[in-house]
């Protein structure tokens, strides 16, 4: 699992803030995130592209229009 450096975390937070500012427009974003392996240590990185419905501040997760949720802590990159 990749650990992001301080500048990468700041960049990620800036991109999420930009997406949040346009949430009423349901912006199309691509998110690369870590998915842990249920059977063994490790996991894989996946990319999801879709319309962002909201950012759940309580769960710290992105919620897409199709209902998918991605925890902010699992995200390594966001493209808008």
Protein backbone atom coordinates (compact mmCIF):
# COMPACT_ATOMS: atom_id res chain seq x y z
CA UNK A 1 0.00 0.00 0.00
CA UNK A 2 1.37 3.39 -1.04
CA UNK A 3 1.76 5.99 1.71
CA UNK A 4 1.29 9.50 0.37
CA UNK A 5 3.76 12.23 1.26
CA UNK A 6 2.66 15.52 2.76
CA UNK A 7 2.60 17.40 -0.57
CA UNK A 8 0.61 14.58 -2.23
CA UNK A 9 -1.94 14.65 0.61
CA UNK A 10 -2.28 18.44 0.24
CA UNK A 11 -2.80 18.09 -3.52
CA UNK A 12 -5.42 15.38 -2.96
CA UNK A 13 -7.24 17.54 -0.40
CA UNK A 14 -7.19 20.51 -2.82
CA UNK A 15 -8.72 18.40 -5.61
CA UNK A 16 -11.39 17.05 -3.26
CA UNK A 17 -12.20 20.61 -2.13
CA UNK A 18 -12.52 21.67 -5.79
CA UNK A 19 -14.90 18.76 -6.45
CA UNK A 20 -16.90 19.62 -3.31
CA UNK A 21 -17.27 23.23 -4.49
CA UNK A 22 -19.03 21.94 -7.63
CA UNK A 23 -20.98 19.11 -5.98
CA UNK A 24 -24.36 20.48 -7.17
CA UNK A 25 -23.15 19.93 -10.76
CA UNK A 26 -22.31 16.25 -10.01
CA UNK A 27 -18.78 16.55 -11.39
CA UNK A 28 -17.29 13.60 -13.27
CA UNK A 29 -14.17 12.45 -11.43
CA UNK A 30 -11.71 9.56 -11.65
CA UNK A 31 -10.47 8.19 -8.34
CA UNK A 32 -7.63 5.69 -7.87
CA UNK A 33 -7.91 3.90 -4.55
CA UNK A 34 -6.67 0.90 -2.58
CA UNK A 35 -8.88 -2.17 -2.16
CA UNK A 36 -7.62 -4.59 0.52
CA UNK A 37 -7.56 -8.31 -0.27
CA UNK A 38 -10.15 -10.09 1.89
CA UNK A 39 -8.13 -13.33 2.06
CA UNK A 40 -4.54 -12.25 2.46
CA UNK A 41 -2.39 -9.27 3.31
CA UNK A 42 -2.12 -6.67 0.57
CA UNK A 43 -4.62 -5.69 -2.07
CA UNK A 44 -4.93 -3.89 -5.37
CA UNK A 45 -5.46 -0.41 -6.76
CA UNK A 46 -8.64 0.27 -8.69
CA UNK A 47 -9.83 3.32 -10.61
CA UNK A 48 -13.46 4.40 -10.66
CA UNK A 49 -14.83 7.14 -12.88
CA UNK A 50 -18.27 8.55 -12.29
CA UNK A 51 -20.48 11.42 -11.20
CA UNK A 52 -19.77 12.53 -7.63
CA UNK A 53 -23.01 12.85 -5.68
CA UNK A 54 -21.65 14.01 -2.33
CA UNK A 55 -18.82 13.82 0.15
CA UNK A 56 -19.89 12.12 3.37
CA UNK A 57 -18.04 14.11 6.04
CA UNK A 58 -19.08 11.75 8.85
CA UNK A 59 -17.75 8.62 7.13
CA UNK A 60 -14.99 10.54 5.25
CA UNK A 61 -16.07 8.94 1.99
CA UNK A 62 -16.91 9.96 -1.57
CA UNK A 63 -20.40 8.90 -2.65
CA UNK A 64 -21.00 8.46 -6.37
CA UNK A 65 -24.33 8.88 -8.17
CA UNK A 66 -24.59 5.08 -8.55
CA UNK A 67 -24.30 4.65 -4.76
CA UNK A 68 -20.67 3.48 -4.65
CA UNK A 69 -18.63 4.75 -1.68
CA UNK A 70 -14.87 5.16 -1.48
CA UNK A 71 -13.16 6.01 1.81
CA UNK A 72 -11.02 9.13 1.53
CA UNK A 73 -8.20 7.34 3.38
CA UNK A 74 -7.97 4.74 0.59
CA UNK A 75 -7.61 7.30 -2.23
CA UNK A 76 -4.21 7.95 -3.79
CA UNK A 77 -5.28 10.22 -6.67
CA UNK A 78 -8.22 12.21 -8.00
CA UNK A 79 -8.64 13.63 -11.50
CA UNK A 80 -11.44 16.03 -12.37
